[in-house]
Amino acid sequence: MNFEPTEDQKERYLKRLLSGEGVICVGMTESEAGSAVTDLQTTATPDGAGYRINGTKVFTTHAQYADVMLVYVRFGPGVGGIGSVLVERNAPGVKQGRPSRFLNGEEWVQTYFDNTCVPPENVVLKEGGFKKQIAGFNVERIGNTARSLAFGRHAYETARQWAMQVMGGMGYTEETLVEYCSRKTRGWMIAGGSIEILKNRIAEGVFGRQFSQRPPKA
């Protein structure tokens, strides 16, 4: 079972991405599968040696101008049926909605896959690859934490010079970096897993057991 990009995939995509000549985005979240990403419904149906992709992704930053999207798909039922494929943005069957803006100024577009063909050489992880794939978010979470601390430190050092009425009227304008730091950091409380989900992960590490992230069924 293949758990990492092939040499062919690295040659076709990774070099351009690392050189800054290309952009990649991650199509993971769906309208009914956010923090509970294992509820995703985008399917990968066998078609000859390749697959046909059908489904919709939301909140995918940079989707409107990325060269290629790493799409989380369902090859079969359950967590074990989740894997990922590489889909080029201009591939037949890929459609996108109008841009929407996040609070931090970045944009995302809803992306639709309508019987989009994915050749076998664009499959990154097949069934059983989800845990390997999701582990990559630990790196993002650490990065988000470090950047949030840096932004928080700047905002604190600037704001404390104005304390009693912190920043005064200037704190309510876009003339300083403080309001930008606040908008930017807010997104990192969701990206990579919401605060509540991350608390679950911490509790699992402390107590050595799993805690359900879903409410009990009636």
Protein backbone atom coordinates (compact mmCIF):
# COMPACT_ATOMS: atom_id res chain seq x y z
CA MET A 1 0.00 0.00 0.00
CA ASN A 2 1.36 3.43 -0.97
CA PHE A 3 1.56 5.85 1.97
CA GLU A 4 3.52 8.72 0.39
CA PRO A 5 3.86 10.54 -2.95
CA THR A 6 5.53 8.49 -5.66
CA GLU A 7 8.70 9.61 -7.40
CA ASP A 8 6.56 10.45 -10.43
CA GLN A 9 4.26 12.67 -8.34
CA LYS A 10 7.25 14.41 -6.79
CA GLU A 11 8.72 15.06 -10.23
CA ARG A 12 5.45 16.39 -11.67
CA TYR A 13 4.28 18.50 -8.72
CA LEU A 14 6.70 18.80 -5.81
CA LYS A 15 9.52 20.56 -7.65
CA ARG A 16 7.22 23.33 -8.87
CA LEU A 17 5.62 23.72 -5.46
CA LEU A 18 8.92 23.95 -3.59
CA SER A 19 10.33 26.45 -6.09
CA GLY A 20 7.30 28.71 -5.64
CA GLU A 21 6.23 28.25 -9.25
CA GLY A 22 3.06 26.38 -8.32
CA VAL A 23 0.40 26.35 -5.58
CA ILE A 24 -1.31 23.39 -3.94
CA CYS A 25 -4.38 23.38 -1.70
CA VAL A 26 -6.03 20.73 0.48
CA GLY A 27 -9.66 19.82 -0.23
CA MET A 28 -10.75 18.19 3.01
CA THR A 29 -13.69 19.99 4.63
CA GLU A 30 -17.26 19.46 3.45
CA SER A 31 -20.51 21.09 4.53
CA GLU A 32 -21.36 18.05 6.66
CA ALA A 33 -17.79 17.06 7.52
CA GLY A 34 -15.79 19.77 9.26
CA SER A 35 -13.97 18.83 12.46
CA ALA A 36 -15.60 15.40 12.08
CA VAL A 37 -13.71 14.95 8.82
CA THR A 38 -14.27 11.19 8.79
CA ASP A 39 -17.89 11.93 7.83
CA LEU A 40 -16.75 13.13 4.39
CA GLN A 41 -18.85 11.97 1.46
CA THR A 42 -16.77 12.79 -1.64
CA THR A 43 -16.41 9.46 -3.44
CA ALA A 44 -13.77 7.84 -5.59
CA THR A 45 -15.39 5.19 -7.80
CA PRO A 46 -13.20 2.79 -9.82
CA ASP A 47 -13.15 3.50 -13.56
CA GLY A 48 -10.72 1.34 -15.46
CA ALA A 49 -7.29 1.79 -13.88
CA GLY A 50 -8.32 5.16 -12.41
CA TYR A 51 -11.23 6.69 -10.51
CA ARG A 52 -14.18 9.06 -10.93
CA ILE A 53 -14.51 11.71 -8.20
CA ASN A 54 -17.89 13.11 -7.14
CA GLY A 55 -18.53 15.50 -4.27
CA THR A 56 -18.05 19.03 -2.94
CA LYS A 57 -15.39 20.71 -0.81
CA VAL A 58 -15.68 23.97 1.16
CA PHE A 59 -13.32 26.30 3.08
CA THR A 60 -10.39 25.35 0.83
CA THR A 61 -7.96 28.27 1.04
CA HIS A 62 -6.30 29.23 -2.28
CA ALA A 63 -8.56 26.85 -4.23
CA GLN A 64 -9.37 29.43 -6.89
CA TYR A 65 -5.78 29.71 -8.11
CA ALA A 66 -4.06 26.52 -6.95
CA ASP A 67 -2.56 24.39 -9.72
CA VAL A 68 -3.51 21.17 -7.98
CA MET A 69 -5.68 20.11 -5.07
CA LEU A 70 -4.99 17.26 -2.66
CA VAL A 71 -8.52 15.90 -2.24
CA TYR A 72 -9.63 13.67 0.62
CA VAL A 73 -11.95 11.05 -0.86
CA ARG A 74 -13.86 7.98 0.16
CA PHE A 75 -12.86 4.75 -1.61
CA GLY A 76 -15.06 2.68 0.70
CA PRO A 77 -17.03 2.82 4.00
CA GLY A 78 -15.67 3.84 7.37
CA VAL A 79 -12.40 5.48 8.36
CA GLY A 80 -10.51 2.72 6.59
CA GLY A 81 -12.08 3.71 3.29
CA ILE A 82 -10.64 7.25 3.24
CA GLY A 83 -7.62 8.22 1.14
CA SER A 84 -6.52 11.06 -1.12
CA VAL A 85 -5.94 11.94 -4.76
CA LEU A 86 -4.36 14.80 -6.69
CA VAL A 87 -6.79 16.74 -8.90
CA GLU A 88 -5.67 19.52 -11.21
CA ARG A 89 -7.86 22.61 -10.99
CA ASN A 90 -8.48 22.76 -14.74
CA ALA A 91 -9.41 19.07 -15.02
CA PRO A 92 -12.75 18.30 -16.73
CA GLY A 93 -15.56 18.09 -14.19
CA VAL A 94 -13.99 20.53 -11.70
CA LYS A 95 -16.17 23.57 -11.09
CA GLN A 96 -15.90 26.36 -8.53
CA GLY A 97 -18.33 28.84 -7.00
CA ARG A 98 -17.82 32.53 -6.30
CA PRO A 99 -15.01 33.56 -3.92
CA SER A 100 -15.81 34.14 -0.26
CA ARG A 101 -13.51 35.98 2.13
CA PHE A 102 -12.30 34.73 5.50
CA LEU A 103 -11.97 37.19 8.37
CA ASN A 104 -8.17 37.18 7.88
CA GLY A 105 -8.50 38.45 4.29
CA GLU A 106 -7.77 35.15 2.52
CA GLU A 107 -10.34 33.76 0.10
CA TRP A 108 -11.88 30.34 -0.54
CA VAL A 109 -14.26 28.96 -3.12
CA GLN A 110 -16.62 26.01 -3.01
CA THR A 111 -15.26 23.31 -5.33
CA TYR A 112 -17.42 20.73 -7.09
CA PHE A 113 -16.29 17.44 -8.60
CA ASP A 114 -18.68 16.11 -11.21
CA ASN A 115 -17.49 12.70 -12.42
CA THR A 116 -13.93 14.05 -12.49
CA CYS A 117 -11.44 11.52 -13.85
CA VAL A 118 -8.33 10.82 -11.77
CA PRO A 119 -5.67 8.59 -13.37
CA PRO A 120 -3.97 5.95 -11.21
CA GLU A 121 -0.73 7.94 -11.12
CA ASN A 122 -2.54 10.72 -9.24
CA VAL A 123 -3.62 8.53 -6.33
CA VAL A 124 -1.61 9.48 -3.24
CA LEU A 125 -3.21 7.29 -0.56
CA LYS A 126 -5.74 4.54 -1.08
CA GLU A 127 -7.88 2.74 1.50
CA GLY A 128 -6.32 2.63 4.95
CA GLY A 129 -4.23 5.76 4.46
CA PHE A 130 -6.29 8.21 6.50
CA LYS A 131 -4.33 8.03 9.77
CA LYS A 132 -1.06 8.53 7.93
CA GLN A 133 -2.58 11.46 6.07
CA ILE A 134 -4.16 13.23 9.04
CA ALA A 135 -0.90 13.00 11.02
CA GLY A 136 0.46 15.74 8.78
CA PHE A 137 -1.85 18.18 10.53
CA ASN A 138 0.28 17.91 13.67
CA VAL A 139 2.87 20.00 11.83
CA GLU A 140 0.24 22.61 10.92
CA ARG A 141 -1.02 22.74 14.50
CA ILE A 142 2.47 23.44 15.83
CA GLY A 143 2.99 26.12 13.19
CA ASN A 144 -0.36 27.74 13.95
CA THR A 145 0.51 27.78 17.65
CA ALA A 146 3.88 29.43 17.06
CA ARG A 147 2.43 32.08 14.76
CA SER A 148 -0.45 32.79 17.13
CA LEU A 149 2.00 33.32 20.02
CA ALA A 150 4.06 35.71 17.91
CA PHE A 151 1.00 37.70 16.84
CA GLY A 152 -0.31 37.72 20.40
CA ARG A 153 3.01 38.99 21.70
CA HIS A 154 3.05 41.85 19.21
CA ALA A 155 -0.55 42.80 19.99
CA TYR A 156 0.16 42.69 23.73
CA GLU A 157 3.33 44.79 23.54
CA THR A 158 1.55 47.39 21.42
CA ALA A 159 -1.72 47.44 23.35
CA ARG A 160 -0.21 47.63 26.83
CA GLN A 161 1.19 51.06 26.01
CA TRP A 162 -2.43 52.26 25.78
CA ALA A 163 -3.92 50.26 28.78
CA MET A 164 -6.99 51.44 30.74
CA GLN A 165 -8.74 51.87 27.41
CA VAL A 166 -6.57 49.47 25.37
CA MET A 167 -5.55 51.05 22.01
CA GLY A 168 -8.32 53.63 22.35
CA GLY A 169 -10.04 54.50 19.09
CA MET A 170 -7.05 53.21 17.13
CA GLY A 171 -7.88 49.69 18.26
CA TYR A 172 -11.14 49.96 16.38
CA THR A 173 -9.56 50.92 13.05
CA GLU A 174 -7.49 49.17 10.40
CA GLU A 175 -4.62 51.62 10.85
CA THR A 176 -2.56 49.33 13.12
CA LEU A 177 -1.38 45.73 13.01
CA VAL A 178 -3.28 44.82 16.18
CA GLU A 179 -6.68 44.37 14.54
CA TYR A 180 -5.03 42.34 11.77
CA CYS A 181 -3.37 40.08 14.36
CA SER A 182 -6.76 39.48 15.94
CA ARG A 183 -8.42 38.62 12.61
CA LYS A 184 -5.54 36.41 11.50
CA THR A 185 -5.29 34.46 14.75
CA ARG A 186 -9.03 33.78 14.90
CA GLY A 187 -8.76 31.46 11.90
CA TRP A 188 -6.09 29.35 13.58
CA MET A 189 -8.59 28.50 16.31
CA ILE A 190 -10.42 26.53 13.60
CA ALA A 191 -7.81 25.49 11.01
CA GLY A 192 -6.09 22.20 11.75
CA GLY A 193 -8.88 21.27 14.15
CA SER A 194 -11.11 23.44 16.34
CA ILE A 195 -10.10 24.31 19.93
CA GLU A 196 -12.62 21.75 21.20
CA ILE A 197 -11.18 19.00 19.00
CA LEU A 198 -7.63 19.80 20.11
CA LYS A 199 -8.70 19.62 23.76
CA ASN A 200 -10.04 16.15 22.98
CA ARG A 201 -6.65 15.17 21.56
CA ILE A 202 -4.89 16.45 24.70
CA ALA A 203 -7.31 14.56 26.96
CA GLU A 204 -6.74 11.36 24.97
CA GLY A 205 -2.98 11.72 25.48
CA VAL A 206 -3.37 12.38 29.23
CA PHE A 207 -5.87 9.61 29.97
CA GLY A 208 -4.73 7.08 27.35
CA ARG A 209 -8.20 6.59 25.87
CA GLN A 210 -10.39 7.99 23.12
CA PHE A 211 -13.24 10.46 23.62
CA SER A 212 -16.05 10.75 21.08
CA GLN A 213 -16.25 14.11 19.33
CA ARG A 214 -19.93 13.58 18.51
CA PRO A 215 -22.91 14.03 20.86
CA PRO A 216 -24.61 10.85 22.07
CA LYS A 217 -27.37 9.56 19.80
CA ALA A 218 -30.92 9.91 21.05
